Amino acid sequence: MDIPVRFAEYEDLPAVNQIRRQVNRVHCQGRPDIFRPGFCEEIQNLLYERFSSDQSDVIVALVEDNICGFAIVEYRTKPLSPYSLERRYYEVVEFGVDEKHRRKGIATALVAFMKKDAVRKGFPRMELDMWEFNEGALKFYENAGFQTYRRYMELPLSPAEEEKTAQNPME
C-alpha cells in the first residue's frame, strides 16, 4: 500500500492533535509520576506554534485522505562548547500513528519521508528521544536504523518514588 506523506497544512492540525492525544495518553499511563494527565489546551497549542515556526515542521501520513500519522521535527544547531563540537541535526520531537492504523507501514513511510527531507536540507543525522517503557516504539526505531548513543538513568530515593517508577500499566 502506497502511503502518502507530506508537510501538514493548517487544516490538518486538529486531526494531528487527535493522534497526539493518543500518544499523550500512552505517556501518562507509562510514567504517571512524570506526565500530567489530560491533553490540556497548552499542549494542543504547541502544535500550532511548531507549525508556524521556521525552525520546525509538521509532517503527516494519510490513508484514504485521512490523517493517520504525524511527526513534528525541529532543525537544531548546538553551538561549539568547551565539551563538544558544533552539531546540526534533524530532531524528531513528536511522532505517532493513530492506534486504528498501526502495523500498516505508516511509521515506516513517515521515517522514509523524514530521512529524505533531512538529507535535502543538509542535515548529517536525525535524532530523537523516547521513553524506556515504550518497548514497541524502541523496537520500531531500532528496526528503522536508529541507534542509542546516550542514555538517561534515574535512581528513585523514596519508597513512594520507587513504586511510581516501577508501575507500568502498559503491560
N, C-alpha and C. Protein backbone atom coordinates (compact mmCIF):
# COMPACT_ATOMS: atom_id res chain seq x y z
N MET A 1 0.85 -1.18 0.00
CA MET A 1 0.00 0.00 0.00
C MET A 1 0.89 1.24 0.00
N ASP A 2 0.63 2.13 -0.93
CA ASP A 2 1.37 3.38 -1.02
C ASP A 2 0.75 4.37 -0.02
N ILE A 3 1.57 4.86 0.90
CA ILE A 3 1.10 5.76 1.94
C ILE A 3 1.62 7.17 1.64
N PRO A 4 0.72 8.07 1.27
CA PRO A 4 1.16 9.45 1.02
C PRO A 4 1.62 10.13 2.31
N VAL A 5 2.76 10.81 2.23
CA VAL A 5 3.30 11.58 3.35
C VAL A 5 3.64 12.95 2.80
N ARG A 6 3.30 13.99 3.57
CA ARG A 6 3.55 15.36 3.12
C ARG A 6 3.65 16.28 4.33
N PHE A 7 4.07 17.51 4.06
CA PHE A 7 4.05 18.52 5.11
C PHE A 7 2.60 18.88 5.41
N ALA A 8 2.30 19.08 6.66
CA ALA A 8 0.93 19.37 7.08
C ALA A 8 0.48 20.73 6.58
N GLU A 9 -0.80 20.84 6.40
CA GLU A 9 -1.46 22.11 6.13
C GLU A 9 -2.19 22.50 7.42
N TYR A 10 -2.50 23.76 7.54
CA TYR A 10 -3.14 24.26 8.76
C TYR A 10 -4.41 23.46 9.09
N GLU A 11 -5.18 23.12 8.07
CA GLU A 11 -6.43 22.40 8.27
C GLU A 11 -6.22 20.99 8.82
N ASP A 12 -4.99 20.45 8.71
CA ASP A 12 -4.68 19.10 9.21
C ASP A 12 -4.47 19.07 10.73
N LEU A 13 -4.20 20.21 11.32
CA LEU A 13 -3.73 20.23 12.70
C LEU A 13 -4.73 19.67 13.72
N PRO A 14 -6.03 19.90 13.61
CA PRO A 14 -6.93 19.26 14.57
C PRO A 14 -6.84 17.72 14.54
N ALA A 15 -6.71 17.14 13.35
CA ALA A 15 -6.56 15.68 13.25
C ALA A 15 -5.24 15.23 13.85
N VAL A 16 -4.18 16.01 13.65
CA VAL A 16 -2.89 15.68 14.26
C VAL A 16 -3.03 15.70 15.79
N ASN A 17 -3.73 16.70 16.30
CA ASN A 17 -3.91 16.77 17.75
C ASN A 17 -4.67 15.57 18.30
N GLN A 18 -5.56 14.99 17.52
CA GLN A 18 -6.27 13.80 17.99
C GLN A 18 -5.30 12.62 18.17
N ILE A 19 -4.34 12.50 17.28
CA ILE A 19 -3.34 11.43 17.42
C ILE A 19 -2.38 11.77 18.55
N ARG A 20 -2.03 13.05 18.68
CA ARG A 20 -1.16 13.47 19.80
C ARG A 20 -1.83 13.16 21.13
N ARG A 21 -3.15 13.26 21.20
CA ARG A 21 -3.89 12.92 22.42
C ARG A 21 -3.66 11.44 22.77
N GLN A 22 -3.68 10.57 21.77
CA GLN A 22 -3.42 9.15 21.99
C GLN A 22 -2.00 8.94 22.52
N VAL A 23 -1.04 9.62 21.90
CA VAL A 23 0.36 9.49 22.31
C VAL A 23 0.53 10.00 23.75
N ASN A 24 -0.12 11.10 24.06
CA ASN A 24 -0.06 11.66 25.41
C ASN A 24 -0.60 10.66 26.43
N ARG A 25 -1.69 9.99 26.08
CA ARG A 25 -2.28 9.00 26.98
C ARG A 25 -1.30 7.86 27.25
N VAL A 26 -0.59 7.41 26.23
CA VAL A 26 0.42 6.35 26.40
C VAL A 26 1.49 6.80 27.39
N HIS A 27 1.95 8.05 27.26
CA HIS A 27 2.98 8.56 28.16
C HIS A 27 2.44 8.70 29.59
N CYS A 28 1.23 9.18 29.73
CA CYS A 28 0.63 9.33 31.07
C CYS A 28 0.46 7.98 31.75
N GLN A 29 0.10 6.96 30.99
CA GLN A 29 -0.04 5.62 31.55
C GLN A 29 1.33 5.01 31.87
N GLY A 30 2.30 5.26 31.00
CA GLY A 30 3.62 4.66 31.18
C GLY A 30 4.43 5.28 32.31
N ARG A 31 4.29 6.58 32.51
CA ARG A 31 5.02 7.27 33.58
C ARG A 31 4.10 8.30 34.25
N PRO A 32 3.13 7.84 35.04
CA PRO A 32 2.21 8.76 35.69
C PRO A 32 2.89 9.66 36.71
N ASP A 33 4.11 9.31 37.09
CA ASP A 33 4.87 10.14 38.03
C ASP A 33 5.52 11.34 37.33
N ILE A 34 5.50 11.36 36.00
CA ILE A 34 6.15 12.43 35.24
C ILE A 34 5.13 13.22 34.41
N PHE A 35 4.27 12.53 33.70
CA PHE A 35 3.38 13.19 32.75
C PHE A 35 2.07 13.62 33.38
N ARG A 36 1.64 14.83 33.04
CA ARG A 36 0.37 15.37 33.51
C ARG A 36 -0.77 14.68 32.76
N PRO A 37 -1.79 14.25 33.48
CA PRO A 37 -2.92 13.63 32.78
C PRO A 37 -3.71 14.66 31.99
N GLY A 38 -4.43 14.17 31.01
CA GLY A 38 -5.25 15.05 30.18
C GLY A 38 -4.44 15.58 29.01
N PHE A 39 -5.11 16.30 28.18
CA PHE A 39 -4.49 16.86 26.99
C PHE A 39 -4.90 18.33 26.94
N CYS A 40 -4.25 19.10 27.78
CA CYS A 40 -4.64 20.48 28.01
C CYS A 40 -4.45 21.36 26.76
N GLU A 41 -5.07 22.51 26.82
CA GLU A 41 -5.00 23.46 25.71
C GLU A 41 -3.56 23.87 25.41
N GLU A 42 -2.75 24.00 26.44
CA GLU A 42 -1.35 24.38 26.25
C GLU A 42 -0.61 23.36 25.39
N ILE A 43 -0.84 22.07 25.63
CA ILE A 43 -0.21 21.02 24.82
C ILE A 43 -0.74 21.10 23.39
N GLN A 44 -2.04 21.28 23.24
CA GLN A 44 -2.64 21.37 21.91
C GLN A 44 -2.05 22.55 21.13
N ASN A 45 -1.87 23.67 21.80
CA ASN A 45 -1.37 24.87 21.13
C ASN A 45 0.09 24.77 20.71
N LEU A 46 0.87 23.90 21.38
CA LEU A 46 2.27 23.71 20.97
C LEU A 46 2.36 23.28 19.50
N LEU A 47 1.41 22.51 19.06
CA LEU A 47 1.39 22.07 17.67
C LEU A 47 1.31 23.27 16.73
N TYR A 48 0.45 24.21 17.05
CA TYR A 48 0.28 25.39 16.19
C TYR A 48 1.54 26.27 16.21
N GLU A 49 2.20 26.34 17.35
CA GLU A 49 3.45 27.10 17.44
C GLU A 49 4.53 26.46 16.57
N ARG A 50 4.65 25.15 16.65
CA ARG A 50 5.66 24.47 15.84
C ARG A 50 5.33 24.55 14.36
N PHE A 51 4.05 24.48 14.04
CA PHE A 51 3.62 24.60 12.64
C PHE A 51 4.03 25.96 12.07
N SER A 52 3.93 27.00 12.89
CA SER A 52 4.22 28.38 12.44
C SER A 52 5.70 28.74 12.47
N SER A 53 6.52 27.93 13.12
CA SER A 53 7.94 28.23 13.26
C SER A 53 8.72 27.88 12.00
N ASP A 54 9.73 28.69 11.69
CA ASP A 54 10.60 28.34 10.57
C ASP A 54 11.71 27.37 10.98
N GLN A 55 11.73 26.99 12.27
CA GLN A 55 12.72 26.03 12.76
C GLN A 55 12.11 24.65 13.01
N SER A 56 10.88 24.44 12.54
CA SER A 56 10.24 23.14 12.72
C SER A 56 9.21 22.92 11.62
N ASP A 57 8.78 21.68 11.50
CA ASP A 57 7.73 21.32 10.56
C ASP A 57 6.87 20.23 11.15
N VAL A 58 5.65 20.14 10.66
CA VAL A 58 4.73 19.07 10.99
C VAL A 58 4.53 18.27 9.71
N ILE A 59 4.67 16.97 9.82
CA ILE A 59 4.58 16.06 8.69
C ILE A 59 3.42 15.10 8.97
N VAL A 60 2.65 14.77 7.93
CA VAL A 60 1.50 13.88 8.12
C VAL A 60 1.53 12.75 7.10
N ALA A 61 0.98 11.62 7.53
CA ALA A 61 0.75 10.47 6.65
C ALA A 61 -0.76 10.30 6.51
N LEU A 62 -1.18 9.85 5.33
CA LEU A 62 -2.61 9.75 5.05
C LEU A 62 -3.00 8.35 4.57
N VAL A 63 -4.18 7.96 4.98
CA VAL A 63 -4.82 6.77 4.44
C VAL A 63 -6.20 7.22 4.00
N GLU A 64 -6.49 7.05 2.71
CA GLU A 64 -7.77 7.49 2.14
C GLU A 64 -8.08 8.94 2.51
N ASP A 65 -7.09 9.80 2.36
CA ASP A 65 -7.19 11.24 2.61
C ASP A 65 -7.43 11.61 4.08
N ASN A 66 -7.29 10.67 4.99
CA ASN A 66 -7.41 10.95 6.43
C ASN A 66 -6.05 10.88 7.08
N ILE A 67 -5.78 11.83 7.98
CA ILE A 67 -4.51 11.85 8.71
C ILE A 67 -4.47 10.62 9.62
N CYS A 68 -3.43 9.80 9.47
CA CYS A 68 -3.31 8.58 10.26
C CYS A 68 -1.99 8.52 11.02
N GLY A 69 -1.10 9.47 10.77
CA GLY A 69 0.17 9.51 11.47
C GLY A 69 0.79 10.88 11.30
N PHE A 70 1.73 11.19 12.19
CA PHE A 70 2.36 12.51 12.14
C PHE A 70 3.76 12.44 12.72
N ALA A 71 4.53 13.45 12.41
CA ALA A 71 5.82 13.69 13.05
C ALA A 71 5.97 15.21 13.17
N ILE A 72 6.54 15.64 14.26
CA ILE A 72 6.94 17.03 14.41
C ILE A 72 8.45 17.02 14.48
N VAL A 73 9.08 17.78 13.60
CA VAL A 73 10.54 17.82 13.55
C VAL A 73 11.03 19.24 13.80
N GLU A 74 12.20 19.33 14.40
CA GLU A 74 12.85 20.63 14.62
C GLU A 74 14.25 20.57 14.04
N TYR A 75 14.70 21.71 13.55
CA TYR A 75 16.02 21.82 12.93
C TYR A 75 16.95 22.42 13.98
N ARG A 76 17.91 21.62 14.43
CA ARG A 76 18.74 22.00 15.56
C ARG A 76 20.18 22.27 15.17
N THR A 77 20.75 23.27 15.82
CA THR A 77 22.19 23.51 15.77
C THR A 77 22.65 23.75 17.19
N LYS A 78 23.48 22.86 17.69
CA LYS A 78 24.08 23.02 19.01
C LYS A 78 25.43 23.70 18.80
N PRO A 79 25.67 24.83 19.45
CA PRO A 79 26.93 25.55 19.21
C PRO A 79 28.14 24.82 19.81
N LEU A 80 29.28 25.19 19.31
CA LEU A 80 30.54 24.72 19.86
C LEU A 80 30.57 25.06 21.35
N SER A 81 31.04 24.13 22.17
CA SER A 81 31.15 24.38 23.61
C SER A 81 32.50 23.84 24.08
N PRO A 82 32.85 24.12 25.32
CA PRO A 82 34.10 23.55 25.83
C PRO A 82 34.10 22.01 25.80
N TYR A 83 32.90 21.41 25.80
CA TYR A 83 32.80 19.95 25.84
C TYR A 83 32.56 19.29 24.49
N SER A 84 31.94 20.01 23.56
CA SER A 84 31.56 19.33 22.32
C SER A 84 31.68 20.25 21.11
N LEU A 85 31.78 19.59 19.97
CA LEU A 85 31.82 20.29 18.69
C LEU A 85 30.42 20.80 18.35
N GLU A 86 30.34 21.75 17.43
CA GLU A 86 29.04 22.18 16.94
C GLU A 86 28.37 20.99 16.27
N ARG A 87 27.07 20.86 16.49
CA ARG A 87 26.32 19.76 15.89
C ARG A 87 25.04 20.29 15.26
N ARG A 88 24.76 19.82 14.05
CA ARG A 88 23.49 20.12 13.39
C ARG A 88 22.75 18.80 13.22
N TYR A 89 21.47 18.81 13.55
CA TYR A 89 20.70 17.59 13.37
C TYR A 89 19.22 17.89 13.21
N TYR A 90 18.54 16.92 12.65
CA TYR A 90 17.10 16.95 12.37
C TYR A 90 16.47 16.15 13.49
N GLU A 91 15.77 16.83 14.38
CA GLU A 91 15.25 16.16 15.58
C GLU A 91 13.76 15.84 15.43
N VAL A 92 13.43 14.59 15.65
CA VAL A 92 12.04 14.16 15.70
C VAL A 92 11.58 14.39 17.14
N VAL A 93 10.77 15.42 17.36
CA VAL A 93 10.38 15.76 18.73
C VAL A 93 9.06 15.11 19.14
N GLU A 94 8.22 14.78 18.17
CA GLU A 94 6.99 14.03 18.44
C GLU A 94 6.71 13.15 17.24
N PHE A 95 6.11 11.99 17.52
CA PHE A 95 5.87 11.02 16.46
C PHE A 95 4.72 10.13 16.90
N GLY A 96 3.80 9.84 16.01
CA GLY A 96 2.71 8.95 16.39
C GLY A 96 1.91 8.48 15.19
N VAL A 97 1.30 7.32 15.38
CA VAL A 97 0.39 6.75 14.39
C VAL A 97 -0.92 6.44 15.11
N ASP A 98 -2.03 6.80 14.49
CA ASP A 98 -3.34 6.53 15.06
C ASP A 98 -3.44 5.06 15.41
N GLU A 99 -3.94 4.77 16.61
CA GLU A 99 -3.99 3.38 17.07
C GLU A 99 -4.82 2.48 16.15
N LYS A 100 -5.74 3.04 15.37
CA LYS A 100 -6.54 2.24 14.43
C LYS A 100 -5.75 1.87 13.17
N HIS A 101 -4.58 2.49 12.99
CA HIS A 101 -3.82 2.29 11.75
C HIS A 101 -2.41 1.75 11.98
N ARG A 102 -2.15 1.22 13.14
CA ARG A 102 -0.78 0.74 13.42
C ARG A 102 -0.50 -0.57 12.68
N ARG A 103 0.78 -0.80 12.46
CA ARG A 103 1.28 -2.01 11.80
C ARG A 103 0.84 -2.11 10.34
N LYS A 104 0.76 -0.95 9.69
CA LYS A 104 0.39 -0.91 8.27
C LYS A 104 1.45 -0.20 7.43
N GLY A 105 2.61 0.08 8.02
CA GLY A 105 3.69 0.73 7.28
C GLY A 105 3.68 2.24 7.35
N ILE A 106 2.78 2.82 8.14
CA ILE A 106 2.66 4.27 8.21
C ILE A 106 3.89 4.89 8.87
N ALA A 107 4.32 4.34 10.00
CA ALA A 107 5.51 4.87 10.67
C ALA A 107 6.73 4.76 9.77
N THR A 108 6.86 3.66 9.07
CA THR A 108 7.98 3.46 8.15
C THR A 108 7.95 4.52 7.04
N ALA A 109 6.76 4.80 6.52
CA ALA A 109 6.63 5.82 5.47
C ALA A 109 7.01 7.21 6.01
N LEU A 110 6.60 7.50 7.24
CA LEU A 110 6.97 8.79 7.85
C LEU A 110 8.49 8.91 8.00
N VAL A 111 9.13 7.85 8.49
CA VAL A 111 10.58 7.89 8.66
C VAL A 111 11.28 8.05 7.31
N ALA A 112 10.81 7.36 6.29
CA ALA A 112 11.42 7.49 4.95
C ALA A 112 11.31 8.92 4.45
N PHE A 113 10.16 9.55 4.65
CA PHE A 113 9.97 10.95 4.24
C PHE A 113 10.93 11.85 5.01
N MET A 114 11.03 11.64 6.33
CA MET A 114 11.91 12.49 7.14
C MET A 114 13.37 12.32 6.75
N LYS A 115 13.79 11.10 6.45
CA LYS A 115 15.18 10.88 6.02
C LYS A 115 15.48 11.70 4.77
N LYS A 116 14.59 11.61 3.78
CA LYS A 116 14.79 12.36 2.53
C LYS A 116 14.80 13.86 2.80
N ASP A 117 13.89 14.32 3.65
CA ASP A 117 13.80 15.74 3.96
C ASP A 117 15.08 16.21 4.68
N ALA A 118 15.56 15.42 5.62
CA ALA A 118 16.77 15.78 6.37
C ALA A 118 17.97 15.87 5.43
N VAL A 119 18.10 14.91 4.53
CA VAL A 119 19.21 14.93 3.57
C VAL A 119 19.08 16.14 2.65
N ARG A 120 17.88 16.40 2.15
CA ARG A 120 17.63 17.54 1.26
C ARG A 120 17.99 18.85 1.94
N LYS A 121 17.77 18.94 3.25
CA LYS A 121 18.07 20.16 3.99
C LYS A 121 19.51 20.20 4.50
N GLY A 122 20.29 19.17 4.21
CA GLY A 122 21.71 19.18 4.54
C GLY A 122 22.05 18.75 5.96
N PHE A 123 21.16 18.05 6.63
CA PHE A 123 21.46 17.58 7.98
C PHE A 123 22.21 16.25 7.91
N PRO A 124 23.25 16.10 8.73
CA PRO A 124 24.03 14.87 8.69
C PRO A 124 23.42 13.73 9.49
N ARG A 125 22.40 14.02 10.31
CA ARG A 125 21.80 12.97 11.15
C ARG A 125 20.40 13.37 11.58
N MET A 126 19.64 12.33 11.94
CA MET A 126 18.35 12.51 12.60
C MET A 126 18.51 12.02 14.02
N GLU A 127 17.83 12.67 14.94
CA GLU A 127 17.87 12.25 16.34
C GLU A 127 16.47 12.27 16.92
N LEU A 128 16.27 11.49 17.97
CA LEU A 128 15.04 11.52 18.73
C LEU A 128 15.33 10.97 20.11
N ASP A 129 14.42 11.22 21.04
CA ASP A 129 14.49 10.54 22.32
C ASP A 129 13.16 9.87 22.56
N MET A 130 13.16 8.86 23.39
CA MET A 130 11.94 8.10 23.69
C MET A 130 12.03 7.57 25.11
N TRP A 131 10.91 7.10 25.60
CA TRP A 131 10.83 6.60 26.97
C TRP A 131 11.00 5.10 27.00
N GLU A 132 11.77 4.61 27.96
CA GLU A 132 12.09 3.19 28.06
C GLU A 132 10.86 2.29 28.18
N PHE A 133 9.79 2.75 28.81
CA PHE A 133 8.61 1.91 28.97
C PHE A 133 7.95 1.58 27.63
N ASN A 134 8.22 2.36 26.60
CA ASN A 134 7.57 2.20 25.31
C ASN A 134 8.36 1.22 24.44
N GLU A 135 8.26 -0.05 24.79
CA GLU A 135 9.06 -1.07 24.13
C GLU A 135 8.74 -1.22 22.64
N GLY A 136 7.48 -1.03 22.28
CA GLY A 136 7.11 -1.10 20.86
C GLY A 136 7.78 -0.02 20.04
N ALA A 137 7.82 1.19 20.59
CA ALA A 137 8.49 2.28 19.88
C ALA A 137 9.98 2.01 19.76
N LEU A 138 10.59 1.52 20.84
CA LEU A 138 12.02 1.21 20.80
C LEU A 138 12.32 0.19 19.70
N LYS A 139 11.54 -0.85 19.64
CA LYS A 139 11.75 -1.89 18.62
C LYS A 139 11.61 -1.29 17.22
N PHE A 140 10.57 -0.46 17.02
CA PHE A 140 10.39 0.17 15.72
C PHE A 140 11.59 1.04 15.35
N TYR A 141 11.99 1.91 16.26
CA TYR A 141 13.10 2.83 15.96
C TYR A 141 14.38 2.07 15.66
N GLU A 142 14.66 1.03 16.43
CA GLU A 142 15.86 0.23 16.15
C GLU A 142 15.77 -0.42 14.77
N ASN A 143 14.60 -0.96 14.43
CA ASN A 143 14.41 -1.57 13.11
C ASN A 143 14.53 -0.54 11.99
N ALA A 144 14.21 0.72 12.29
CA ALA A 144 14.32 1.80 11.31
C ALA A 144 15.76 2.30 11.18
N GLY A 145 16.67 1.81 12.02
CA GLY A 145 18.08 2.18 11.92
C GLY A 145 18.59 3.13 12.98
N PHE A 146 17.72 3.59 13.87
CA PHE A 146 18.18 4.47 14.96
C PHE A 146 19.02 3.66 15.94
N GLN A 147 20.05 4.31 16.49
CA GLN A 147 20.95 3.67 17.45
C GLN A 147 21.03 4.52 18.71
N THR A 148 21.12 3.86 19.85
CA THR A 148 21.29 4.57 21.11
C THR A 148 22.71 5.10 21.19
N TYR A 149 22.86 6.38 21.49
CA TYR A 149 24.19 6.95 21.70
C TYR A 149 24.31 7.64 23.05
N ARG A 150 23.22 7.80 23.75
CA ARG A 150 23.23 8.43 25.07
C ARG A 150 22.07 7.87 25.85
N ARG A 151 22.21 7.78 27.16
CA ARG A 151 21.15 7.22 27.98
C ARG A 151 20.96 8.05 29.23
N TYR A 152 19.70 8.31 29.58
CA TYR A 152 19.37 8.94 30.85
C TYR A 152 18.97 7.84 31.83
N MET A 153 19.40 7.98 33.07
CA MET A 153 19.06 6.98 34.09
C MET A 153 18.55 7.71 35.33
N GLU A 154 17.82 6.99 36.17
CA GLU A 154 17.31 7.58 37.39
C GLU A 154 17.49 6.61 38.55
N LEU A 155 17.49 7.15 39.74
CA LEU A 155 17.58 6.37 40.96
C LEU A 155 16.53 6.92 41.93
N PRO A 156 15.37 6.24 42.06
CA PRO A 156 14.36 6.71 43.00
C PRO A 156 14.91 6.71 44.43
N LEU A 157 14.65 7.77 45.17
CA LEU A 157 15.23 7.91 46.51
C LEU A 157 14.22 7.76 47.65
N SER A 158 12.98 7.51 47.32
CA SER A 158 11.99 7.27 48.37
C SER A 158 11.12 6.10 47.94
N PRO A 159 10.55 5.36 48.89
CA PRO A 159 9.69 4.22 48.53
C PRO A 159 8.54 4.63 47.61
N ALA A 160 7.95 5.81 47.84
CA ALA A 160 6.85 6.26 47.00
C ALA A 160 7.31 6.48 45.57
N GLU A 161 8.48 7.09 45.39
CA GLU A 161 9.02 7.32 44.05
C GLU A 161 9.39 5.99 43.39
N GLU A 162 9.95 5.08 44.16
CA GLU A 162 10.33 3.78 43.62
C GLU A 162 9.09 3.04 43.13
N GLU A 163 7.99 3.11 43.89
CA GLU A 163 6.76 2.47 43.49
C GLU A 163 6.19 3.08 42.22
N LYS A 164 6.24 4.41 42.13
CA LYS A 164 5.73 5.09 40.93
C LYS A 164 6.50 4.66 39.69
N THR A 165 7.82 4.62 39.79
CA THR A 165 8.63 4.30 38.61
C THR A 165 8.55 2.82 38.27
N ALA A 166 8.18 1.98 39.23
CA ALA A 166 8.06 0.55 38.97
C ALA A 166 6.75 0.21 38.27
N GLN A 167 5.75 1.08 38.38
CA GLN A 167 4.46 0.83 37.73
C GLN A 167 4.62 0.91 36.23
N ASN A 168 3.97 -0.03 35.56
CA ASN A 168 3.96 0.01 34.11
C ASN A 168 2.61 -0.50 33.63
N PRO A 169 1.61 0.38 33.57
CA PRO A 169 0.28 -0.05 33.17
C PRO A 169 0.19 -0.49 31.72
N MET A 170 1.26 -0.33 30.95
CA MET A 170 1.22 -0.71 29.54
C MET A 170 1.33 -2.22 29.37
N GLU A 171 1.70 -2.95 30.38
CA GLU A 171 1.88 -4.41 30.25
C GLU A 171 0.55 -5.12 30.29
